[in-house]
Amino acid sequence: MRRKRTQRPKRWEGLLLVVLLAGVGLLLYALGVRLLAPRVDPAREKNPAQLIGKIIQVEVRNACGVEGVAARTTHYLRQRGFDVVEVGNYTRIEPHSLVIDRVGDLEAARKVAAALGIPEERVQQQIRPDLFLDASVIVGQDYASLAPFQE
């Protein structure tokens, strides 16, 4: 009479089981950390004008369609002590350059405008504390009349 052979598990099946259990363990650990760890919710203080001190944080947006204008404006502002935290293109073409106050500190926005040679009547206020900056510089099609391009 023939004996039935019991099949032993193959080595790769055991290895696969170990890998799967390790993956499940890692996922459970990540879930636990996500649920139990305190969340960090960055928020700007209530009166950001007092927190900034003398450094004004700005973003520079190219709204004229000419390549390199935002980069040149950024270099000019940084040489004058402004902290340019973001540079990029604006959503549309603007005929005139302007500065937008983002935190309720019009004086800081006016300083940026004065440094660039943008008239004070083109300083606007659109409070957006979620941007984490003090002012936005929108460089329009009149960029050639601004201070960075007069040098």
C-alpha atoms as a PDB file:
ATOM      1  CA  MET A   1       0.000   0.000   0.000  1.00  0.00           C
ATOM      2  CA  ARG A   2       1.230   3.374  -0.895  1.00  0.00           C
ATOM      3  CA  ARG A   3       1.570   6.086   1.658  1.00  0.00           C
ATOM      4  CA  LYS A   4       0.166   9.496   0.959  1.00  0.00           C
ATOM      5  CA  ARG A   5       2.850  12.077   1.134  1.00  0.00           C
ATOM      6  CA  THR A   6       2.036  15.162   3.097  1.00  0.00           C
ATOM      7  CA  GLN A   7       3.105  18.219   1.259  1.00  0.00           C
ATOM      8  CA  ARG A   8       5.410  20.528   3.078  1.00  0.00           C
ATOM      9  CA  PRO A   9       4.870  24.239   2.477  1.00  0.00           C
ATOM     10  CA  LYS A  10       7.247  25.615  -0.048  1.00  0.00           C
ATOM     11  CA  ARG A  11       9.816  28.111   1.100  1.00  0.00           C
ATOM     12  CA  TRP A  12       8.492  30.928  -1.060  1.00  0.00           C
ATOM     13  CA  GLU A  13       5.033  30.591   0.481  1.00  0.00           C
ATOM     14  CA  GLY A  14       6.503  31.066   3.942  1.00  0.00           C
ATOM     15  CA  LEU A  15       8.511  34.068   2.775  1.00  0.00           C
ATOM     16  CA  LEU A  16       5.413  35.589   1.190  1.00  0.00           C
ATOM     17  CA  LEU A  17       3.512  35.132   4.444  1.00  0.00           C
ATOM     18  CA  VAL A  18       6.271  36.908   6.396  1.00  0.00           C
ATOM     19  CA  VAL A  19       6.355  39.817   3.927  1.00  0.00           C
ATOM     20  CA  LEU A  20       2.568  40.211   4.044  1.00  0.00           C
ATOM     21  CA  LEU A  21       2.537  40.166   7.844  1.00  0.00           C
ATOM     22  CA  ALA A  22       5.304  42.783   7.934  1.00  0.00           C
ATOM     23  CA  GLY A  23       3.331  44.976   5.521  1.00  0.00           C
ATOM     24  CA  VAL A  24       0.168  44.706   7.612  1.00  0.00           C
ATOM     25  CA  GLY A  25       2.182  45.509  10.735  1.00  0.00           C
ATOM     26  CA  LEU A  26       3.665  48.609   9.070  1.00  0.00           C
ATOM     27  CA  LEU A  27       0.221  49.801   7.988  1.00  0.00           C
ATOM     28  CA  LEU A  28      -1.178  49.316  11.490  1.00  0.00           C
ATOM     29  CA  TYR A  29       1.751  51.258  12.966  1.00  0.00           C
ATOM     30  CA  ALA A  30       1.214  54.132  10.490  1.00  0.00           C
ATOM     31  CA  LEU A  31      -2.497  54.217  11.314  1.00  0.00           C
ATOM     32  CA  GLY A  32      -1.739  54.337  15.029  1.00  0.00           C
ATOM     33  CA  VAL A  33       0.730  57.193  14.609  1.00  0.00           C
ATOM     34  CA  ARG A  34      -1.741  59.108  12.437  1.00  0.00           C
ATOM     35  CA  LEU A  35      -4.546  58.745  14.976  1.00  0.00           C
ATOM     36  CA  LEU A  36      -2.567  59.267  18.179  1.00  0.00           C
ATOM     37  CA  ALA A  37       0.055  61.873  17.255  1.00  0.00           C
ATOM     38  CA  PRO A  38      -0.874  65.531  17.773  1.00  0.00           C
ATOM     39  CA  ARG A  39      -1.525  67.452  14.584  1.00  0.00           C
ATOM     40  CA  VAL A  40       0.444  70.502  13.672  1.00  0.00           C
ATOM     41  CA  ASP A  41      -1.823  73.134  12.194  1.00  0.00           C
ATOM     42  CA  PRO A  42       0.262  76.078  11.003  1.00  0.00           C
ATOM     43  CA  ALA A  43      -1.583  79.312  11.574  1.00  0.00           C
ATOM     44  CA  ARG A  44      -0.464  82.885  11.421  1.00  0.00           C
ATOM     45  CA  GLU A  45      -0.694  84.866  14.642  1.00  0.00           C
ATOM     46  CA  LYS A  46      -3.510  87.371  15.079  1.00  0.00           C
ATOM     47  CA  ASN A  47      -1.314  90.436  14.554  1.00  0.00           C
ATOM     48  CA  PRO A  48       1.284  89.471  11.964  1.00  0.00           C
ATOM     49  CA  ALA A  49       2.499  93.041  11.509  1.00  0.00           C
ATOM     50  CA  GLN A  50       4.120  92.899  14.945  1.00  0.00           C
ATOM     51  CA  LEU A  51       5.690  89.494  14.319  1.00  0.00           C
ATOM     52  CA  ILE A  52       7.530  90.284  11.131  1.00  0.00           C
ATOM     53  CA  GLY A  53       9.810  92.925  12.531  1.00  0.00           C
ATOM     54  CA  LYS A  54      11.701  94.633   9.753  1.00  0.00           C
ATOM     55  CA  ILE A  55      11.602  91.789   7.239  1.00  0.00           C
ATOM     56  CA  ILE A  56       8.723  91.901   4.788  1.00  0.00           C
ATOM     57  CA  GLN A  57       7.868  88.621   3.078  1.00  0.00           C
ATOM     58  CA  VAL A  58       6.563  88.927  -0.467  1.00  0.00           C
ATOM     59  CA  GLU A  59       5.760  86.878  -3.507  1.00  0.00           C
ATOM     60  CA  VAL A  60       6.486  88.138  -7.023  1.00  0.00           C
ATOM     61  CA  ARG A  61       4.166  87.217  -9.889  1.00  0.00           C
ATOM     62  CA  ASN A  62       4.852  87.876 -13.572  1.00  0.00           C
ATOM     63  CA  ALA A  63       1.688  89.327 -15.125  1.00  0.00           C
ATOM     64  CA  CYS A  64       3.250  90.808 -18.254  1.00  0.00           C
ATOM     65  CA  GLY A  65       4.079  87.690 -20.257  1.00  0.00           C
ATOM     66  CA  VAL A  66       7.758  88.600 -20.690  1.00  0.00           C
ATOM     67  CA  GLU A  67      10.154  85.920 -19.492  1.00  0.00           C
ATOM     68  CA  GLY A  68      12.578  86.804 -16.681  1.00  0.00           C
ATOM     69  CA  VAL A  69      10.714  89.839 -15.349  1.00  0.00           C
ATOM     70  CA  ALA A  70       9.740  88.198 -12.038  1.00  0.00           C
ATOM     71  CA  ALA A  71      13.292  86.885 -11.546  1.00  0.00           C
ATOM     72  CA  ARG A  72      14.813  90.325 -12.069  1.00  0.00           C
ATOM     73  CA  THR A  73      12.283  91.916  -9.719  1.00  0.00           C
ATOM     74  CA  THR A  74      13.026  89.229  -7.133  1.00  0.00           C
ATOM     75  CA  HIS A  75      16.760  89.910  -7.316  1.00  0.00           C
ATOM     76  CA  TYR A  76      16.145  93.650  -6.935  1.00  0.00           C
ATOM     77  CA  LEU A  77      13.901  93.198  -3.891  1.00  0.00           C
ATOM     78  CA  ARG A  78      16.274  90.766  -2.192  1.00  0.00           C
ATOM     79  CA  GLN A  79      19.149  93.216  -2.595  1.00  0.00           C
ATOM     80  CA  ARG A  80      17.036  95.722  -0.684  1.00  0.00           C
ATOM     81  CA  GLY A  81      16.282  93.428   2.250  1.00  0.00           C
ATOM     82  CA  PHE A  82      12.899  92.020   1.294  1.00  0.00           C
ATOM     83  CA  ASP A  83      12.310  88.300   1.765  1.00  0.00           C
ATOM     84  CA  VAL A  84      10.918  86.963  -1.515  1.00  0.00           C
ATOM     85  CA  VAL A  85       9.412  83.613  -0.602  1.00  0.00           C
ATOM     86  CA  GLU A  86       7.768  82.692  -3.898  1.00  0.00           C
ATOM     87  CA  VAL A  87       8.151  83.586  -7.577  1.00  0.00           C
ATOM     88  CA  GLY A  88       5.961  82.586 -10.493  1.00  0.00           C
ATOM     89  CA  ASN A  89       3.470  83.587 -13.138  1.00  0.00           C
ATOM     90  CA  TYR A  90       0.202  85.371 -12.444  1.00  0.00           C
ATOM     91  CA  THR A  91      -3.095  83.943 -13.646  1.00  0.00           C
ATOM     92  CA  ARG A  92      -3.624  86.653 -16.270  1.00  0.00           C
ATOM     93  CA  ILE A  93      -1.914  89.570 -18.005  1.00  0.00           C
ATOM     94  CA  GLU A  94      -2.211  92.895 -16.159  1.00  0.00           C
ATOM     95  CA  PRO A  95      -1.605  96.298 -17.792  1.00  0.00           C
ATOM     96  CA  HIS A  96      -0.261  97.885 -14.583  1.00  0.00           C
ATOM     97  CA  SER A  97       1.931  96.588 -11.782  1.00  0.00           C
ATOM     98  CA  LEU A  98       0.462  96.525  -8.293  1.00  0.00           C
ATOM     99  CA  VAL A  99       1.171  95.432  -4.731  1.00  0.00           C
ATOM    100  CA  ILE A 100      -1.454  93.546  -2.729  1.00  0.00           C
ATOM    101  CA  ASP A 101      -1.415  93.616   1.078  1.00  0.00           C
ATOM    102  CA  ARG A 102      -2.190  90.105   2.353  1.00  0.00           C
ATOM    103  CA  VAL A 103      -2.126  90.525   6.164  1.00  0.00           C
ATOM    104  CA  GLY A 104      -3.587  93.932   6.961  1.00  0.00           C
ATOM    105  CA  ASP A 105      -0.278  95.800   7.094  1.00  0.00           C
ATOM    106  CA  LEU A 106      -0.697  98.469   4.425  1.00  0.00           C
ATOM    107  CA  GLU A 107       2.509 100.193   5.531  1.00  0.00           C
ATOM    108  CA  ALA A 108       4.570  97.107   4.609  1.00  0.00           C
ATOM    109  CA  ALA A 109       2.855  96.914   1.210  1.00  0.00           C
ATOM    110  CA  ARG A 110       3.551 100.611   0.652  1.00  0.00           C
ATOM    111  CA  LYS A 111       7.248 100.029   1.414  1.00  0.00           C
ATOM    112  CA  VAL A 112       7.380  97.321  -1.246  1.00  0.00           C
ATOM    113  CA  ALA A 113       5.612  99.581  -3.738  1.00  0.00           C
ATOM    114  CA  ALA A 114       7.958 102.486  -2.972  1.00  0.00           C
ATOM    115  CA  ALA A 115      11.026 100.283  -3.453  1.00  0.00           C
ATOM    116  CA  LEU A 116       9.775  99.236  -6.884  1.00  0.00           C
ATOM    117  CA  GLY A 117       8.485 102.622  -7.952  1.00  0.00           C
ATOM    118  CA  ILE A 118       4.839 101.553  -8.025  1.00  0.00           C
ATOM    119  CA  PRO A 119       2.486 104.459  -7.241  1.00  0.00           C
ATOM    120  CA  GLU A 120       0.736 104.288  -3.869  1.00  0.00           C
ATOM    121  CA  GLU A 121      -2.708 104.256  -5.503  1.00  0.00           C
ATOM    122  CA  ARG A 122      -1.843 100.815  -6.911  1.00  0.00           C
ATOM    123  CA  VAL A 123      -1.519  99.281  -3.447  1.00  0.00           C
ATOM    124  CA  GLN A 124      -4.557  97.125  -2.722  1.00  0.00           C
ATOM    125  CA  GLN A 125      -5.672  95.123   0.258  1.00  0.00           C
ATOM    126  CA  GLN A 126      -6.885  91.538  -0.097  1.00  0.00           C
ATOM    127  CA  ILE A 127      -6.359  89.788   3.226  1.00  0.00           C
ATOM    128  CA  ARG A 128      -5.272  86.158   2.746  1.00  0.00           C
ATOM    129  CA  PRO A 129      -3.497  84.846   5.874  1.00  0.00           C
ATOM    130  CA  ASP A 130      -3.412  81.360   4.326  1.00  0.00           C
ATOM    131  CA  LEU A 131      -0.672  82.564   1.946  1.00  0.00           C
ATOM    132  CA  PHE A 132       1.803  83.078   4.833  1.00  0.00           C
ATOM    133  CA  LEU A 133       3.298  86.222   3.340  1.00  0.00           C
ATOM    134  CA  ASP A 134       2.874  89.945   3.771  1.00  0.00           C
ATOM    135  CA  ALA A 135       2.392  91.200   0.221  1.00  0.00           C
ATOM    136  CA  SER A 136       2.069  90.074  -3.380  1.00  0.00           C
ATOM    137  CA  VAL A 137       3.840  91.961  -6.152  1.00  0.00           C
ATOM    138  CA  ILE A 138       2.099  91.676  -9.503  1.00  0.00           C
ATOM    139  CA  VAL A 139       4.440  92.874 -12.257  1.00  0.00           C
ATOM    140  CA  GLY A 140       2.327  94.130 -15.139  1.00  0.00           C
ATOM    141  CA  GLN A 141       3.005  95.234 -18.694  1.00  0.00           C
ATOM    142  CA  ASP A 142       4.363  98.553 -17.403  1.00  0.00           C
ATOM    143  CA  TYR A 143       7.381  96.703 -15.940  1.00  0.00           C
ATOM    144  CA  ALA A 144       9.867  98.830 -17.931  1.00  0.00           C
ATOM    145  CA  SER A 145       8.946 101.855 -15.800  1.00  0.00           C
ATOM    146  CA  LEU A 146       9.750 100.063 -12.524  1.00  0.00           C
ATOM    147  CA  ALA A 147      12.963 100.622 -10.573  1.00  0.00           C
ATOM    148  CA  PRO A 148      14.526  97.194 -11.287  1.00  0.00           C
ATOM    149  CA  PHE A 149      14.452  97.935 -15.000  1.00  0.00           C
ATOM    150  CA  GLN A 150      15.773 101.504 -14.748  1.00  0.00           C
ATOM    151  CA  GLU A 151      19.265 100.413 -13.683  1.00  0.00           C
END
